[in-house]
Each structure stands twice: as structure tokens, then as C-alpha cells.
Amino acid sequence: MSATGGDLRYAPRTMRGNPGFSAVAVASVALGIGVNTAIFSLVDQLLLWSVPAREPAQLVNVEGGHGLVAWTNAS
């Protein structure tokens, strides 16, 4: 635990010594968190939420092409 405390005291001193590097590091972490949140929100809405239907087991996919129609169960 004492090594962690020493690291936590050393980090602000190092960041004050090189503010340009610190700004780039903080901006990179903030951008990474923002992009990760945006991608997760998109995937959550498109793939993880269920279809808003009363009986999703009765849904079917209708695919057509070249005069052929294929009916498949969506569940």
C-alpha cells in the first residue's frame, strides 16, 4: 500500500513538470472514454435490445431476389 501512496504523490509532481504531455494524455483518455461510450450506446440500441413486438416468436424474414422468396423464422 505504501508504494501506491508514493505513486499517487509522485504523479501530480510529474504532471506539473511536463504540462504538454499531461494535456495530451488526459485528452487521449477522455477521447477514448467518449468513443467507447458512443459505440456501446449504438451497439446496445441496435443489437442488444429486443424487437418491440407482442409475439416475437411469430416474426419472419422475407428475402427476395431473382424471383425467389424465402421465408425463414426470425427467432
PDB file of N, CA and C in Angstrom:
ATOM      1  N   MET A   1       0.824  -1.189   0.000  1.00  0.00           N
ATOM      2  CA  MET A   1       0.000   0.000   0.000  1.00  0.00           C
ATOM      3  C   MET A   1       0.867   1.251   0.000  1.00  0.00           C
ATOM      4  N   SER A   2       2.016   1.206   0.601  1.00  0.00           N
ATOM      5  CA  SER A   2       2.873   2.395   0.646  1.00  0.00           C
ATOM      6  C   SER A   2       3.419   2.738  -0.736  1.00  0.00           C
ATOM      7  N   ALA A   3       3.632   1.737  -1.593  1.00  0.00           N
ATOM      8  CA  ALA A   3       4.102   2.014  -2.948  1.00  0.00           C
ATOM      9  C   ALA A   3       3.027   2.747  -3.742  1.00  0.00           C
ATOM     10  N   THR A   4       1.773   2.378  -3.547  1.00  0.00           N
ATOM     11  CA  THR A   4       0.686   3.056  -4.236  1.00  0.00           C
ATOM     12  C   THR A   4       0.567   4.499  -3.775  1.00  0.00           C
ATOM     13  N   GLY A   5       0.683   4.710  -2.495  1.00  0.00           N
ATOM     14  CA  GLY A   5       0.629   6.082  -1.969  1.00  0.00           C
ATOM     15  C   GLY A   5       1.760   6.931  -2.516  1.00  0.00           C
ATOM     16  N   GLY A   6       2.949   6.346  -2.607  1.00  0.00           N
ATOM     17  CA  GLY A   6       4.080   7.078  -3.179  1.00  0.00           C
ATOM     18  C   GLY A   6       3.853   7.407  -4.645  1.00  0.00           C
ATOM     19  N   ASP A   7       3.283   6.463  -5.381  1.00  0.00           N
ATOM     20  CA  ASP A   7       2.979   6.712  -6.790  1.00  0.00           C
ATOM     21  C   ASP A   7       1.938   7.823  -6.938  1.00  0.00           C
ATOM     22  N   LEU A   8       0.926   7.817  -6.081  1.00  0.00           N
ATOM     23  CA  LEU A   8      -0.103   8.845  -6.153  1.00  0.00           C
ATOM     24  C   LEU A   8       0.437  10.232  -5.794  1.00  0.00           C
ATOM     25  N   ARG A   9       1.441  10.297  -4.946  1.00  0.00           N
ATOM     26  CA  ARG A   9       2.065  11.587  -4.629  1.00  0.00           C
ATOM     27  C   ARG A   9       3.014  12.022  -5.728  1.00  0.00           C
ATOM     28  N   TYR A  10       3.635  11.066  -6.401  1.00  0.00           N
ATOM     29  CA  TYR A  10       4.608  11.375  -7.450  1.00  0.00           C
ATOM     30  C   TYR A  10       3.938  11.807  -8.757  1.00  0.00           C
ATOM     31  N   ALA A  11       2.765  11.272  -9.059  1.00  0.00           N
ATOM     32  CA  ALA A  11       2.094  11.545 -10.326  1.00  0.00           C
ATOM     33  C   ALA A  11       1.791  13.034 -10.539  1.00  0.00           C
ATOM     34  N   PRO A  12       1.202  13.746  -9.573  1.00  0.00           N
ATOM     35  CA  PRO A  12       0.936  15.180  -9.813  1.00  0.00           C
ATOM     36  C   PRO A  12       2.220  15.996 -10.020  1.00  0.00           C
ATOM     37  N   ARG A  13       3.288  15.645  -9.306  1.00  0.00           N
ATOM     38  CA  ARG A  13       4.553  16.376  -9.495  1.00  0.00           C
ATOM     39  C   ARG A  13       5.079  16.168 -10.909  1.00  0.00           C
ATOM     40  N   THR A  14       4.969  14.967 -11.412  1.00  0.00           N
ATOM     41  CA  THR A  14       5.433  14.680 -12.769  1.00  0.00           C
ATOM     42  C   THR A  14       4.559  15.388 -13.795  1.00  0.00           C
ATOM     43  N   MET A  15       3.263  15.411 -13.561  1.00  0.00           N
ATOM     44  CA  MET A  15       2.355  16.076 -14.493  1.00  0.00           C
ATOM     45  C   MET A  15       2.596  17.583 -14.529  1.00  0.00           C
ATOM     46  N   ARG A  16       2.905  18.183 -13.401  1.00  0.00           N
ATOM     47  CA  ARG A  16       3.214  19.615 -13.380  1.00  0.00           C
ATOM     48  C   ARG A  16       4.513  19.908 -14.101  1.00  0.00           C
ATOM     49  N   GLY A  17       5.428  18.972 -14.107  1.00  0.00           N
ATOM     50  CA  GLY A  17       6.721  19.174 -14.759  1.00  0.00           C
ATOM     51  C   GLY A  17       6.641  19.146 -16.279  1.00  0.00           C
ATOM     52  N   ASN A  18       5.661  18.473 -16.841  1.00  0.00           N
ATOM     53  CA  ASN A  18       5.525  18.377 -18.285  1.00  0.00           C
ATOM     54  C   ASN A  18       4.044  18.540 -18.648  1.00  0.00           C
ATOM     55  N   PRO A  19       3.548  19.802 -18.652  1.00  0.00           N
ATOM     56  CA  PRO A  19       2.108  20.015 -18.853  1.00  0.00           C
ATOM     57  C   PRO A  19       1.615  19.647 -20.257  1.00  0.00           C
ATOM     58  N   GLY A  20       2.449  19.764 -21.275  1.00  0.00           N
ATOM     59  CA  GLY A  20       2.025  19.399 -22.632  1.00  0.00           C
ATOM     60  C   GLY A  20       1.713  17.918 -22.739  1.00  0.00           C
ATOM     61  N   PHE A  21       2.611  17.103 -22.211  1.00  0.00           N
ATOM     62  CA  PHE A  21       2.387  15.658 -22.215  1.00  0.00           C
ATOM     63  C   PHE A  21       1.154  15.303 -21.394  1.00  0.00           C
ATOM     64  N   SER A  22       0.974  15.965 -20.271  1.00  0.00           N
ATOM     65  CA  SER A  22      -0.180  15.697 -19.413  1.00  0.00           C
ATOM     66  C   SER A  22      -1.479  16.033 -20.126  1.00  0.00           C
ATOM     67  N   ALA A  23      -1.505  17.163 -20.848  1.00  0.00           N
ATOM     68  CA  ALA A  23      -2.718  17.551 -21.567  1.00  0.00           C
ATOM     69  C   ALA A  23      -3.052  16.538 -22.659  1.00  0.00           C
ATOM     70  N   VAL A  24      -2.036  16.079 -23.391  1.00  0.00           N
ATOM     71  CA  VAL A  24      -2.271  15.083 -24.436  1.00  0.00           C
ATOM     72  C   VAL A  24      -2.748  13.769 -23.819  1.00  0.00           C
ATOM     73  N   ALA A  25      -2.168  13.371 -22.709  1.00  0.00           N
ATOM     74  CA  ALA A  25      -2.578  12.126 -22.055  1.00  0.00           C
ATOM     75  C   ALA A  25      -4.019  12.205 -21.563  1.00  0.00           C
ATOM     76  N   VAL A  26      -4.389  13.311 -20.939  1.00  0.00           N
ATOM     77  CA  VAL A  26      -5.752  13.479 -20.432  1.00  0.00           C
ATOM     78  C   VAL A  26      -6.742  13.546 -21.593  1.00  0.00           C
ATOM     79  N   ALA A  27      -6.390  14.258 -22.663  1.00  0.00           N
ATOM     80  CA  ALA A  27      -7.272  14.341 -23.834  1.00  0.00           C
ATOM     81  C   ALA A  27      -7.441  12.975 -24.488  1.00  0.00           C
ATOM     82  N   SER A  28      -6.375  12.184 -24.547  1.00  0.00           N
ATOM     83  CA  SER A  28      -6.467  10.845 -25.141  1.00  0.00           C
ATOM     84  C   SER A  28      -7.384   9.941 -24.328  1.00  0.00           C
ATOM     85  N   VAL A  29      -7.256   9.999 -23.029  1.00  0.00           N
ATOM     86  CA  VAL A  29      -8.125   9.174 -22.174  1.00  0.00           C
ATOM     87  C   VAL A  29      -9.576   9.626 -22.303  1.00  0.00           C
ATOM     88  N   ALA A  30      -9.813  10.943 -22.316  1.00  0.00           N
ATOM     89  CA  ALA A  30     -11.175  11.457 -22.449  1.00  0.00           C
ATOM     90  C   ALA A  30     -11.778  11.068 -23.796  1.00  0.00           C
ATOM     91  N   LEU A  31     -11.006  11.175 -24.863  1.00  0.00           N
ATOM     92  CA  LEU A  31     -11.496  10.787 -26.190  1.00  0.00           C
ATOM     93  C   LEU A  31     -11.799   9.293 -26.241  1.00  0.00           C
ATOM     94  N   GLY A  32     -10.936   8.479 -25.665  1.00  0.00           N
ATOM     95  CA  GLY A  32     -11.168   7.030 -25.630  1.00  0.00           C
ATOM     96  C   GLY A  32     -12.428   6.672 -24.871  1.00  0.00           C
ATOM     97  N   ILE A  33     -12.658   7.315 -23.750  1.00  0.00           N
ATOM     98  CA  ILE A  33     -13.875   7.047 -22.974  1.00  0.00           C
ATOM     99  C   ILE A  33     -15.109   7.484 -23.755  1.00  0.00           C
ATOM    100  N   GLY A  34     -15.041   8.642 -24.401  1.00  0.00           N
ATOM    101  CA  GLY A  34     -16.180   9.132 -25.170  1.00  0.00           C
ATOM    102  C   GLY A  34     -16.512   8.236 -26.345  1.00  0.00           C
ATOM    103  N   VAL A  35     -15.505   7.800 -27.095  1.00  0.00           N
ATOM    104  CA  VAL A  35     -15.735   6.926 -28.242  1.00  0.00           C
ATOM    105  C   VAL A  35     -16.271   5.575 -27.783  1.00  0.00           C
ATOM    106  N   ASN A  36     -15.713   5.042 -26.709  1.00  0.00           N
ATOM    107  CA  ASN A  36     -16.182   3.761 -26.179  1.00  0.00           C
ATOM    108  C   ASN A  36     -17.647   3.857 -25.760  1.00  0.00           C
ATOM    109  N   THR A  37     -18.031   4.938 -25.118  1.00  0.00           N
ATOM    110  CA  THR A  37     -19.410   5.128 -24.699  1.00  0.00           C
ATOM    111  C   THR A  37     -20.342   5.247 -25.898  1.00  0.00           C
ATOM    112  N   ALA A  38     -19.913   5.988 -26.918  1.00  0.00           N
ATOM    113  CA  ALA A  38     -20.748   6.156 -28.111  1.00  0.00           C
ATOM    114  C   ALA A  38     -20.947   4.831 -28.843  1.00  0.00           C
ATOM    115  N   ILE A  39     -19.894   4.062 -29.000  1.00  0.00           N
ATOM    116  CA  ILE A  39     -20.003   2.774 -29.689  1.00  0.00           C
ATOM    117  C   ILE A  39     -20.870   1.806 -28.891  1.00  0.00           C
ATOM    118  N   PHE A  40     -20.681   1.772 -27.574  1.00  0.00           N
ATOM    119  CA  PHE A  40     -21.514   0.883 -26.767  1.00  0.00           C
ATOM    120  C   PHE A  40     -22.988   1.281 -26.855  1.00  0.00           C
ATOM    121  N   SER A  41     -23.276   2.572 -26.833  1.00  0.00           N
ATOM    122  CA  SER A  41     -24.670   3.018 -26.933  1.00  0.00           C
ATOM    123  C   SER A  41     -25.277   2.594 -28.265  1.00  0.00           C
ATOM    124  N   LEU A  42     -24.519   2.713 -29.338  1.00  0.00           N
ATOM    125  CA  LEU A  42     -25.008   2.304 -30.653  1.00  0.00           C
ATOM    126  C   LEU A  42     -25.258   0.800 -30.708  1.00  0.00           C
ATOM    127  N   VAL A  43     -24.317   0.010 -30.234  1.00  0.00           N
ATOM    128  CA  VAL A  43     -24.470  -1.447 -30.239  1.00  0.00           C
ATOM    129  C   VAL A  43     -25.620  -1.859 -29.328  1.00  0.00           C
ATOM    130  N   ASP A  44     -25.753  -1.199 -28.206  1.00  0.00           N
ATOM    131  CA  ASP A  44     -26.837  -1.513 -27.272  1.00  0.00           C
ATOM    132  C   ASP A  44     -28.195  -1.292 -27.927  1.00  0.00           C
ATOM    133  N   GLN A  45     -28.358  -0.172 -28.617  1.00  0.00           N
ATOM    134  CA  GLN A  45     -29.647   0.118 -29.247  1.00  0.00           C
ATOM    135  C   GLN A  45     -29.929  -0.771 -30.453  1.00  0.00           C
ATOM    136  N   LEU A  46     -28.906  -1.084 -31.232  1.00  0.00           N
ATOM    137  CA  LEU A  46     -29.134  -1.842 -32.460  1.00  0.00           C
ATOM    138  C   LEU A  46     -29.157  -3.350 -32.274  1.00  0.00           C
ATOM    139  N   LEU A  47     -28.336  -3.877 -31.380  1.00  0.00           N
ATOM    140  CA  LEU A  47     -28.185  -5.331 -31.296  1.00  0.00           C
ATOM    141  C   LEU A  47     -28.698  -5.954 -30.004  1.00  0.00           C
ATOM    142  N   LEU A  48     -28.635  -5.245 -28.904  1.00  0.00           N
ATOM    143  CA  LEU A  48     -28.936  -5.876 -27.624  1.00  0.00           C
ATOM    144  C   LEU A  48     -30.393  -5.744 -27.196  1.00  0.00           C
ATOM    145  N   TRP A  49     -31.077  -4.705 -27.645  1.00  0.00           N
ATOM    146  CA  TRP A  49     -32.491  -4.554 -27.278  1.00  0.00           C
ATOM    147  C   TRP A  49     -33.330  -5.502 -28.114  1.00  0.00           C
ATOM    148  N   SER A  50     -34.325  -6.077 -27.517  1.00  0.00           N
ATOM    149  CA  SER A  50     -35.200  -6.985 -28.252  1.00  0.00           C
ATOM    150  C   SER A  50     -36.151  -6.194 -29.150  1.00  0.00           C
ATOM    151  N   VAL A  51     -36.742  -6.888 -30.084  1.00  0.00           N
ATOM    152  CA  VAL A  51     -37.684  -6.270 -31.021  1.00  0.00           C
ATOM    153  C   VAL A  51     -38.967  -5.941 -30.268  1.00  0.00           C
ATOM    154  N   PRO A  52     -39.478  -4.729 -30.412  1.00  0.00           N
ATOM    155  CA  PRO A  52     -40.712  -4.372 -29.700  1.00  0.00           C
ATOM    156  C   PRO A  52     -41.941  -4.960 -30.400  1.00  0.00           C
ATOM    157  N   ALA A  53     -42.188  -6.230 -30.158  1.00  0.00           N
ATOM    158  CA  ALA A  53     -43.344  -6.911 -30.747  1.00  0.00           C
ATOM    159  C   ALA A  53     -44.046  -7.708 -29.656  1.00  0.00           C
ATOM    160  N   ARG A  54     -45.351  -7.894 -29.833  1.00  0.00           N
ATOM    161  CA  ARG A  54     -46.109  -8.646 -28.821  1.00  0.00           C
ATOM    162  C   ARG A  54     -45.693 -10.112 -28.779  1.00  0.00           C
ATOM    163  N   GLU A  55     -45.522 -10.714 -29.970  1.00  0.00           N
ATOM    164  CA  GLU A  55     -45.139 -12.119 -30.050  1.00  0.00           C
ATOM    165  C   GLU A  55     -43.936 -12.257 -30.985  1.00  0.00           C
ATOM    166  N   PRO A  56     -42.723 -12.040 -30.471  1.00  0.00           N
ATOM    167  CA  PRO A  56     -41.549 -12.070 -31.332  1.00  0.00           C
ATOM    168  C   PRO A  56     -41.278 -13.436 -31.955  1.00  0.00           C
ATOM    169  N   ALA A  57     -41.818 -14.507 -31.400  1.00  0.00           N
ATOM    170  CA  ALA A  57     -41.595 -15.842 -31.959  1.00  0.00           C
ATOM    171  C   ALA A  57     -42.312 -16.013 -33.299  1.00  0.00           C
ATOM    172  N   GLN A  58     -43.298 -15.176 -33.578  1.00  0.00           N
ATOM    173  CA  GLN A  58     -44.048 -15.299 -34.834  1.00  0.00           C
ATOM    174  C   GLN A  58     -43.500 -14.406 -35.946  1.00  0.00           C
ATOM    175  N   LEU A  59     -42.423 -13.690 -35.714  1.00  0.00           N
ATOM    176  CA  LEU A  59     -41.832 -12.844 -36.748  1.00  0.00           C
ATOM    177  C   LEU A  59     -41.099 -13.691 -37.776  1.00  0.00           C
ATOM    178  N   VAL A  60     -41.114 -13.244 -39.018  1.00  0.00           N
ATOM    179  CA  VAL A  60     -40.419 -13.953 -40.088  1.00  0.00           C
ATOM    180  C   VAL A  60     -39.593 -12.954 -40.899  1.00  0.00           C
ATOM    181  N   ASN A  61     -38.545 -13.446 -41.556  1.00  0.00           N
ATOM    182  CA  ASN A  61     -37.761 -12.668 -42.505  1.00  0.00           C
ATOM    183  C   ASN A  61     -38.259 -12.984 -43.900  1.00  0.00           C
ATOM    184  N   VAL A  62     -38.457 -11.962 -44.712  1.00  0.00           N
ATOM    185  CA  VAL A  62     -38.859 -12.157 -46.093  1.00  0.00           C
ATOM    186  C   VAL A  62     -37.728 -11.621 -46.958  1.00  0.00           C
ATOM    187  N   GLU A  63     -37.077 -12.519 -47.697  1.00  0.00           N
ATOM    188  CA  GLU A  63     -35.970 -12.129 -48.555  1.00  0.00           C
ATOM    189  C   GLU A  63     -36.335 -12.484 -49.988  1.00  0.00           C
ATOM    190  N   GLY A  64     -36.132 -11.571 -50.889  1.00  0.00           N
ATOM    191  CA  GLY A  64     -36.447 -11.842 -52.282  1.00  0.00           C
ATOM    192  C   GLY A  64     -35.305 -11.408 -53.180  1.00  0.00           C
ATOM    193  N   GLY A  65     -35.160 -12.127 -54.252  1.00  0.00           N
ATOM    194  CA  GLY A  65     -34.146 -11.790 -55.231  1.00  0.00           C
ATOM    195  C   GLY A  65     -34.229 -12.775 -56.381  1.00  0.00           C
ATOM    196  N   HIS A  66     -34.199 -12.282 -57.591  1.00  0.00           N
ATOM    197  CA  HIS A  66     -34.241 -13.116 -58.789  1.00  0.00           C
ATOM    198  C   HIS A  66     -35.510 -13.968 -58.841  1.00  0.00           C
ATOM    199  N   GLY A  67     -36.630 -13.403 -58.391  1.00  0.00           N
ATOM    200  CA  GLY A  67     -37.889 -14.124 -58.468  1.00  0.00           C
ATOM    201  C   GLY A  67     -38.101 -15.140 -57.369  1.00  0.00           C
ATOM    202  N   LEU A  68     -37.167 -15.276 -56.448  1.00  0.00           N
ATOM    203  CA  LEU A  68     -37.304 -16.252 -55.360  1.00  0.00           C
ATOM    204  C   LEU A  68     -37.635 -15.521 -54.073  1.00  0.00           C
ATOM    205  N   VAL A  69     -38.507 -16.089 -53.282  1.00  0.00           N
ATOM    206  CA  VAL A  69     -38.838 -15.533 -51.972  1.00  0.00           C
ATOM    207  C   VAL A  69     -38.576 -16.615 -50.943  1.00  0.00           C
ATOM    208  N   ALA A  70     -37.813 -16.271 -49.926  1.00  0.00           N
ATOM    209  CA  ALA A  70     -37.508 -17.235 -48.874  1.00  0.00           C
ATOM    210  C   ALA A  70     -38.128 -16.751 -47.567  1.00  0.00           C
ATOM    211  N   TRP A  71     -38.885 -17.610 -46.928  1.00  0.00           N
ATOM    212  CA  TRP A  71     -39.488 -17.298 -45.640  1.00  0.00           C
ATOM    213  C   TRP A  71     -38.713 -18.058 -44.574  1.00  0.00           C
ATOM    214  N   THR A  72     -38.169 -17.341 -43.628  1.00  0.00           N
ATOM    215  CA  THR A  72     -37.468 -18.001 -42.519  1.00  0.00           C
ATOM    216  C   THR A  72     -37.981 -17.447 -41.209  1.00  0.00           C
ATOM    217  N   ASN A  73     -37.982 -18.287 -40.206  1.00  0.00           N
ATOM    218  CA  ASN A  73     -38.406 -17.871 -38.883  1.00  0.00           C
ATOM    219  C   ASN A  73     -37.330 -16.974 -38.298  1.00  0.00           C
ATOM    220  N   ALA A  74     -37.711 -15.814 -37.774  1.00  0.00           N
ATOM    221  CA  ALA A  74     -36.748 -14.846 -37.268  1.00  0.00           C
ATOM    222  C   ALA A  74     -36.185 -15.209 -35.907  1.00  0.00           C
ATOM    223  N   SER A  75     -36.824 -16.085 -35.168  1.00  0.00           N
ATOM    224  CA  SER A  75     -36.362 -16.367 -33.813  1.00  0.00           C
ATOM    225  C   SER A  75     -35.322 -17.431 -33.754  1.00  0.00           C
TER     226      SER A  75
END
